[in-house]
Amino acid sequence: MKEQADNLERDFEGLLSAYREACPVPEATPEFMPGLWARIESGQGWTKQVWKWANGFMAAAAAASLFLVMLQMVPRHGSDFYGATYLETLADQDDDQALGEVARVTVPAEEGPEQGSQQR
């Protein structure tokens, strides 16, 4: 068991030494951090534009939604074309004769006792 742990230790050390040879340690200069941030920001340029457009569309959608809600809350004083009955429409026209012709009720004449017995 001890030999296996020693073999793993040697393999790990060999791997680390190969890594150190392949990747040299960069020297820290005063331009290191500004250069690093410039590279990061250049890669994020298009994402910032997407976020700006998305925020603009979101604000426009919210404004349009509020506008449509306000339009629904405003009372309408439209015609009663779809909601009024035929008699209500005739009554609104101030033409009593037309309303009288439509709503005419005929009352049958009263029958006397003689007329009622003859019809049976």
C-alpha atoms as a PDB file:
ATOM      1  CA  MET A   1       0.000   0.000   0.000  1.00  0.00           C
ATOM      2  CA  LYS A   2       2.883   2.274   0.830  1.00  0.00           C
ATOM      3  CA  GLU A   3       4.475   1.599  -2.575  1.00  0.00           C
ATOM      4  CA  GLN A   4       1.289   2.501  -4.395  1.00  0.00           C
ATOM      5  CA  ALA A   5       1.067   5.836  -2.545  1.00  0.00           C
ATOM      6  CA  ASP A   6       4.738   6.539  -3.407  1.00  0.00           C
ATOM      7  CA  ASN A   7       4.081   5.777  -7.090  1.00  0.00           C
ATOM      8  CA  LEU A   8       1.093   8.151  -7.118  1.00  0.00           C
ATOM      9  CA  GLU A   9       3.205  10.835  -5.448  1.00  0.00           C
ATOM     10  CA  ARG A  10       5.954  10.490  -8.101  1.00  0.00           C
ATOM     11  CA  ASP A  11       3.435  10.557 -10.948  1.00  0.00           C
ATOM     12  CA  PHE A  12       1.833  13.673  -9.513  1.00  0.00           C
ATOM     13  CA  GLU A  13       5.198  15.418  -9.141  1.00  0.00           C
ATOM     14  CA  GLY A  14       6.057  14.488 -12.752  1.00  0.00           C
ATOM     15  CA  LEU A  15       2.765  15.941 -13.930  1.00  0.00           C
ATOM     16  CA  LEU A  16       3.359  19.207 -12.058  1.00  0.00           C
ATOM     17  CA  SER A  17       6.902  19.553 -13.432  1.00  0.00           C
ATOM     18  CA  ALA A  18       5.631  18.974 -16.999  1.00  0.00           C
ATOM     19  CA  TYR A  19       2.999  21.669 -16.426  1.00  0.00           C
ATOM     20  CA  ARG A  20       5.597  24.157 -15.141  1.00  0.00           C
ATOM     21  CA  GLU A  21       7.749  23.571 -18.233  1.00  0.00           C
ATOM     22  CA  ALA A  22       4.808  23.941 -20.640  1.00  0.00           C
ATOM     23  CA  CYS A  23       3.319  27.054 -19.014  1.00  0.00           C
ATOM     24  CA  PRO A  24       5.859  29.633 -17.910  1.00  0.00           C
ATOM     25  CA  VAL A  25       4.909  31.917 -15.023  1.00  0.00           C
ATOM     26  CA  PRO A  26       3.853  35.318 -16.363  1.00  0.00           C
ATOM     27  CA  GLU A  27       5.608  38.301 -14.900  1.00  0.00           C
ATOM     28  CA  ALA A  28       3.358  40.709 -13.088  1.00  0.00           C
ATOM     29  CA  THR A  29       3.731  44.122 -14.731  1.00  0.00           C
ATOM     30  CA  PRO A  30       1.747  47.281 -14.032  1.00  0.00           C
ATOM     31  CA  GLU A  31      -0.208  46.649 -17.241  1.00  0.00           C
ATOM     32  CA  PHE A  32      -1.284  43.126 -16.263  1.00  0.00           C
ATOM     33  CA  MET A  33      -4.643  43.926 -14.597  1.00  0.00           C
ATOM     34  CA  PRO A  34      -5.731  46.661 -17.049  1.00  0.00           C
ATOM     35  CA  GLY A  35      -4.847  44.344 -19.934  1.00  0.00           C
ATOM     36  CA  LEU A  36      -6.750  41.482 -18.338  1.00  0.00           C
ATOM     37  CA  TRP A  37      -9.853  43.647 -17.823  1.00  0.00           C
ATOM     38  CA  ALA A  38      -9.627  44.954 -21.385  1.00  0.00           C
ATOM     39  CA  ARG A  39      -9.630  41.375 -22.693  1.00  0.00           C
ATOM     40  CA  ILE A  40     -12.582  40.459 -20.471  1.00  0.00           C
ATOM     41  CA  GLU A  41     -14.609  43.518 -21.506  1.00  0.00           C
ATOM     42  CA  SER A  42     -13.873  43.026 -25.206  1.00  0.00           C
ATOM     43  CA  GLY A  43     -15.389  39.554 -24.968  1.00  0.00           C
ATOM     44  CA  GLN A  44     -18.490  40.911 -23.229  1.00  0.00           C
ATOM     45  CA  GLY A  45     -19.225  43.720 -25.698  1.00  0.00           C
ATOM     46  CA  TRP A  46     -22.031  41.986 -27.524  1.00  0.00           C
ATOM     47  CA  THR A  47     -23.672  40.759 -24.312  1.00  0.00           C
ATOM     48  CA  LYS A  48     -23.904  44.320 -23.014  1.00  0.00           C
ATOM     49  CA  GLN A  49     -25.668  45.326 -26.211  1.00  0.00           C
ATOM     50  CA  VAL A  50     -28.105  42.430 -25.849  1.00  0.00           C
ATOM     51  CA  TRP A  51     -28.839  43.438 -22.242  1.00  0.00           C
ATOM     52  CA  LYS A  52     -29.428  47.054 -23.280  1.00  0.00           C
ATOM     53  CA  TRP A  53     -31.856  46.010 -26.010  1.00  0.00           C
ATOM     54  CA  ALA A  54     -33.629  43.567 -23.683  1.00  0.00           C
ATOM     55  CA  ASN A  55     -34.055  46.231 -21.002  1.00  0.00           C
ATOM     56  CA  GLY A  56     -35.391  48.662 -23.587  1.00  0.00           C
ATOM     57  CA  PHE A  57     -37.920  46.143 -24.880  1.00  0.00           C
ATOM     58  CA  MET A  58     -38.948  45.300 -21.328  1.00  0.00           C
ATOM     59  CA  ALA A  59     -39.550  48.961 -20.510  1.00  0.00           C
ATOM     60  CA  ALA A  60     -41.524  49.439 -23.736  1.00  0.00           C
ATOM     61  CA  ALA A  61     -43.653  46.364 -23.002  1.00  0.00           C
ATOM     62  CA  ALA A  62     -44.386  47.592 -19.472  1.00  0.00           C
ATOM     63  CA  ALA A  63     -45.372  51.032 -20.785  1.00  0.00           C
ATOM     64  CA  ALA A  64     -47.604  49.494 -23.460  1.00  0.00           C
ATOM     65  CA  SER A  65     -49.249  47.241 -20.865  1.00  0.00           C
ATOM     66  CA  LEU A  66     -49.984  50.182 -18.580  1.00  0.00           C
ATOM     67  CA  PHE A  67     -51.374  52.157 -21.515  1.00  0.00           C
ATOM     68  CA  LEU A  68     -53.705  49.308 -22.482  1.00  0.00           C
ATOM     69  CA  VAL A  69     -54.872  48.908 -18.871  1.00  0.00           C
ATOM     70  CA  MET A  70     -55.650  52.620 -18.714  1.00  0.00           C
ATOM     71  CA  LEU A  71     -57.608  52.367 -21.965  1.00  0.00           C
ATOM     72  CA  GLN A  72     -59.694  49.576 -20.456  1.00  0.00           C
ATOM     73  CA  MET A  73     -60.444  51.675 -17.370  1.00  0.00           C
ATOM     74  CA  VAL A  74     -61.681  54.739 -19.274  1.00  0.00           C
ATOM     75  CA  PRO A  75     -65.489  54.670 -19.541  1.00  0.00           C
ATOM     76  CA  ARG A  76     -66.850  54.610 -23.067  1.00  0.00           C
ATOM     77  CA  HIS A  77     -69.879  56.576 -24.164  1.00  0.00           C
ATOM     78  CA  GLY A  78     -70.531  54.758 -27.400  1.00  0.00           C
ATOM     79  CA  SER A  79     -73.804  54.054 -29.089  1.00  0.00           C
ATOM     80  CA  ASP A  80     -76.186  51.444 -27.784  1.00  0.00           C
ATOM     81  CA  PHE A  81     -76.256  49.755 -31.155  1.00  0.00           C
ATOM     82  CA  TYR A  82     -75.196  46.380 -29.798  1.00  0.00           C
ATOM     83  CA  GLY A  83     -76.715  46.565 -26.328  1.00  0.00           C
ATOM     84  CA  ALA A  84     -80.123  48.184 -26.779  1.00  0.00           C
ATOM     85  CA  THR A  85     -83.320  46.375 -27.662  1.00  0.00           C
ATOM     86  CA  TYR A  86     -85.459  47.354 -30.610  1.00  0.00           C
ATOM     87  CA  LEU A  87     -88.002  49.096 -28.389  1.00  0.00           C
ATOM     88  CA  GLU A  88     -85.319  51.080 -26.542  1.00  0.00           C
ATOM     89  CA  THR A  89     -83.877  52.259 -29.842  1.00  0.00           C
ATOM     90  CA  LEU A  90     -87.300  53.365 -31.057  1.00  0.00           C
ATOM     91  CA  ALA A  91     -87.963  55.149 -27.756  1.00  0.00           C
ATOM     92  CA  ASP A  92     -84.699  57.079 -28.087  1.00  0.00           C
ATOM     93  CA  GLN A  93     -85.735  58.385 -31.507  1.00  0.00           C
ATOM     94  CA  ASP A  94     -88.499  60.549 -29.975  1.00  0.00           C
ATOM     95  CA  ASP A  95     -90.967  59.263 -32.528  1.00  0.00           C
ATOM     96  CA  ASP A  96     -93.971  58.283 -30.452  1.00  0.00           C
ATOM     97  CA  GLN A  97     -95.913  57.141 -33.478  1.00  0.00           C
ATOM     98  CA  ALA A  98     -93.314  54.495 -34.436  1.00  0.00           C
ATOM     99  CA  LEU A  99     -93.175  53.231 -30.868  1.00  0.00           C
ATOM    100  CA  GLY A 100     -96.957  53.168 -30.692  1.00  0.00           C
ATOM    101  CA  GLU A 101     -97.195  51.073 -33.850  1.00  0.00           C
ATOM    102  CA  VAL A 102     -94.739  48.501 -32.581  1.00  0.00           C
ATOM    103  CA  ALA A 103     -96.083  48.282 -29.049  1.00  0.00           C
ATOM    104  CA  ARG A 104     -99.779  48.383 -29.960  1.00  0.00           C
ATOM    105  CA  VAL A 105    -101.943  46.218 -27.791  1.00  0.00           C
ATOM    106  CA  THR A 106    -105.405  45.381 -29.012  1.00  0.00           C
ATOM    107  CA  VAL A 107    -108.026  44.857 -26.391  1.00  0.00           C
ATOM    108  CA  PRO A 108    -110.898  42.584 -27.443  1.00  0.00           C
ATOM    109  CA  ALA A 109    -114.367  44.016 -27.140  1.00  0.00           C
ATOM    110  CA  GLU A 110    -116.347  43.007 -24.118  1.00  0.00           C
ATOM    111  CA  GLU A 111    -118.823  40.291 -24.768  1.00  0.00           C
ATOM    112  CA  GLY A 112    -122.285  40.625 -23.427  1.00  0.00           C
ATOM    113  CA  PRO A 113    -124.258  37.730 -21.933  1.00  0.00           C
ATOM    114  CA  GLU A 114    -126.184  37.205 -25.167  1.00  0.00           C
ATOM    115  CA  GLN A 115    -123.113  37.072 -27.393  1.00  0.00           C
ATOM    116  CA  GLY A 116    -121.327  34.586 -25.180  1.00  0.00           C
ATOM    117  CA  SER A 117    -124.187  32.077 -25.201  1.00  0.00           C
ATOM    118  CA  GLN A 118    -124.618  32.234 -28.971  1.00  0.00           C
ATOM    119  CA  GLN A 119    -121.009  31.344 -29.712  1.00  0.00           C
ATOM    120  CA  ARG A 120    -121.058  28.113 -27.740  1.00  0.00           C
END
